[in-house]
Amino acid sequence: MSILPLILAAAIHALGQDPSPAPDRLNGTWSVDLSADPAQPYLKSMTLTLAEDGTVSGEFYDSAIQAGRWKAQSGRLCVAFRTTDGAGPYHTAACLAGDRVEGQTWAEHRNFVFVWNAERPDLSAAPRP
C-alpha cells in the first residue's frame, strides 16, 4: 500500500484551512464589555502580552494574569489564563474573532460563567492633556 494518497489528502486538507493569525494581533490593550444589560455599559481593561514561548502575561479586571498560555491553530488564535480576586480563581479563555476578542470567564467560587466581547479602546475619544 502506498502512502502517497495519505500525504496528498493531508496536503489538500491543510491547504483548505485558514492560516492562524499572528500572536501579536492579541498583544496590547482591549476594552472588555462585561455588561449584563446592553443599556448599562460596564467596561474593564485587559492587557495581553503573548511571548514566543507560548506564555501570556498582562492584566485583566485589575488582576495580574497567572499561568497564561496561548495557541494559534486551525485558523484561530486563543489565550487561556487565570486571575484572582483574592477570594478565588477566575479561569478565562478567549479567541481573536476578526478585529475583536470573544471570551468567557468562569468563577467557580462565585458560581457563574460570564460570556464577554472585547474591542480595541477608542483612544480618539480620550481626553487630551
Protein backbone atom coordinates (compact mmCIF):
# COMPACT_ATOMS: atom_id res chain seq x y z
CA MET A 1 0.00 0.00 0.00
CA SER A 2 1.35 3.39 -0.97
CA ILE A 3 1.36 6.29 1.48
CA LEU A 4 1.19 8.83 -1.35
CA PRO A 5 -2.64 9.08 -1.21
CA LEU A 6 -2.43 9.80 2.53
CA ILE A 7 0.18 12.51 2.00
CA LEU A 8 -1.89 14.10 -0.78
CA ALA A 9 -5.04 14.01 1.36
CA ALA A 10 -3.21 15.68 4.27
CA ALA A 11 -1.80 18.37 1.97
CA ILE A 12 -5.21 19.11 0.46
CA HIS A 13 -6.75 19.28 3.93
CA ALA A 14 -4.02 21.66 5.13
CA LEU A 15 -4.47 23.94 2.11
CA GLY A 16 -8.17 24.26 2.86
CA GLN A 17 -7.55 25.63 6.36
CA ASP A 18 -7.18 29.31 7.07
CA PRO A 19 -3.79 30.28 8.44
CA SER A 20 -3.86 31.24 12.10
CA PRO A 21 -3.46 34.93 12.97
CA ALA A 22 -0.05 36.08 14.20
CA PRO A 23 0.28 36.19 18.01
CA ASP A 24 0.95 39.94 18.02
CA ARG A 25 -2.66 40.51 16.88
CA LEU A 26 -3.75 39.91 20.50
CA ASN A 27 -0.96 41.93 22.12
CA GLY A 28 -1.91 45.21 23.76
CA THR A 29 -4.90 46.71 25.49
CA TRP A 30 -8.52 45.65 24.96
CA SER A 31 -11.75 47.12 26.31
CA VAL A 32 -13.83 44.23 27.63
CA ASP A 33 -17.62 44.63 27.67
CA LEU A 34 -18.87 42.87 30.82
CA SER A 35 -22.35 44.41 30.58
CA ALA A 36 -25.20 42.21 31.74
CA ASP A 37 -27.58 44.83 30.30
CA PRO A 38 -26.60 46.50 26.98
CA ALA A 39 -28.24 49.72 28.20
CA GLN A 40 -25.78 49.87 31.12
CA PRO A 41 -22.21 49.59 29.77
CA TYR A 42 -19.65 48.04 32.08
CA LEU A 43 -16.18 48.12 30.52
CA LYS A 44 -12.93 46.85 32.03
CA SER A 45 -9.42 46.86 30.60
CA MET A 46 -7.49 43.75 29.55
CA THR A 47 -3.82 43.94 28.57
CA LEU A 48 -2.18 40.94 26.91
CA THR A 49 1.42 40.14 26.02
CA LEU A 50 1.93 36.89 24.09
CA ALA A 51 5.52 35.64 24.33
CA GLU A 52 7.29 33.39 21.81
CA ASP A 53 7.43 30.55 24.36
CA GLY A 54 3.61 30.30 24.38
CA THR A 55 3.06 32.16 27.64
CA VAL A 56 0.67 35.06 28.23
CA SER A 57 1.21 37.85 30.73
CA GLY A 58 -0.70 41.03 31.45
CA GLU A 59 -3.73 42.10 33.42
CA PHE A 60 -7.48 41.51 33.34
CA TYR A 61 -10.08 43.14 35.59
CA ASP A 62 -7.34 44.83 37.62
CA SER A 63 -5.68 41.49 38.40
CA ALA A 64 -2.37 40.09 37.13
CA ILE A 65 -2.63 37.19 34.69
CA GLN A 66 -1.35 33.92 36.15
CA ALA A 67 -0.37 30.75 34.28
CA GLY A 68 -1.34 32.22 30.90
CA ARG A 69 -0.88 30.27 27.67
CA TRP A 70 -1.68 30.94 24.00
CA LYS A 71 -2.07 28.80 20.90
CA ALA A 72 -2.50 29.54 17.18
CA GLN A 73 -4.03 26.58 15.38
CA SER A 74 -6.67 25.76 12.76
CA GLY A 75 -7.12 29.41 11.81
CA ARG A 76 -7.68 30.53 15.41
CA LEU A 77 -5.59 32.46 17.94
CA CYS A 78 -6.64 31.85 21.54
CA VAL A 79 -5.48 32.52 25.10
CA ALA A 80 -6.27 30.90 28.44
CA PHE A 81 -5.27 32.19 31.84
CA ARG A 82 -6.18 32.55 35.48
CA THR A 83 -6.71 35.67 37.60
CA THR A 84 -7.90 36.09 41.17
CA ASP A 85 -9.93 38.49 43.29
CA GLY A 86 -8.30 37.25 46.49
CA ALA A 87 -11.28 35.02 47.29
CA GLY A 88 -10.77 32.54 44.46
CA PRO A 89 -9.62 31.97 40.88
CA TYR A 90 -11.19 33.20 37.66
CA HIS A 91 -10.47 30.99 34.64
CA THR A 92 -10.62 32.81 31.31
CA ALA A 93 -10.42 31.57 27.72
CA ALA A 94 -10.71 33.86 24.71
CA CYS A 95 -10.09 33.86 20.96
CA LEU A 96 -9.48 36.56 18.38
CA ALA A 97 -12.55 36.88 16.12
CA GLY A 98 -11.77 39.30 13.32
CA ASP A 99 -10.89 42.58 14.99
CA ARG A 100 -12.38 41.71 18.40
CA VAL A 101 -11.97 39.10 21.12
CA GLU A 102 -14.70 36.67 22.21
CA GLY A 103 -14.24 35.13 25.63
CA GLN A 104 -15.69 33.56 28.72
CA THR A 105 -14.68 33.63 32.35
CA TRP A 106 -15.60 31.02 34.96
CA ALA A 107 -15.58 31.80 38.67
CA GLU A 108 -16.42 28.56 40.47
CA HIS A 109 -16.34 30.22 43.90
CA ARG A 110 -18.92 32.76 42.71
CA ASN A 111 -20.99 30.17 40.81
CA PHE A 112 -21.01 31.90 37.41
CA VAL A 113 -19.73 31.79 33.85
CA PHE A 114 -19.62 35.12 32.10
CA VAL A 115 -19.54 35.45 28.29
CA TRP A 116 -17.98 38.66 27.00
CA ASN A 117 -16.59 40.52 23.97
CA ALA A 118 -13.68 42.94 23.74
CA GLU A 119 -12.59 45.58 21.27
CA ARG A 120 -9.61 47.88 21.00
CA PRO A 121 -10.33 51.01 23.08
CA ASP A 122 -11.28 54.14 21.20
CA LEU A 123 -8.29 56.29 22.03
CA SER A 124 -9.58 59.15 19.88
CA ALA A 125 -12.38 59.72 22.44
CA ALA A 126 -9.94 60.01 25.34
CA PRO A 127 -9.36 63.49 26.74
CA ARG A 128 -6.11 65.08 25.65
CA PRO A 129 -3.77 66.79 28.14
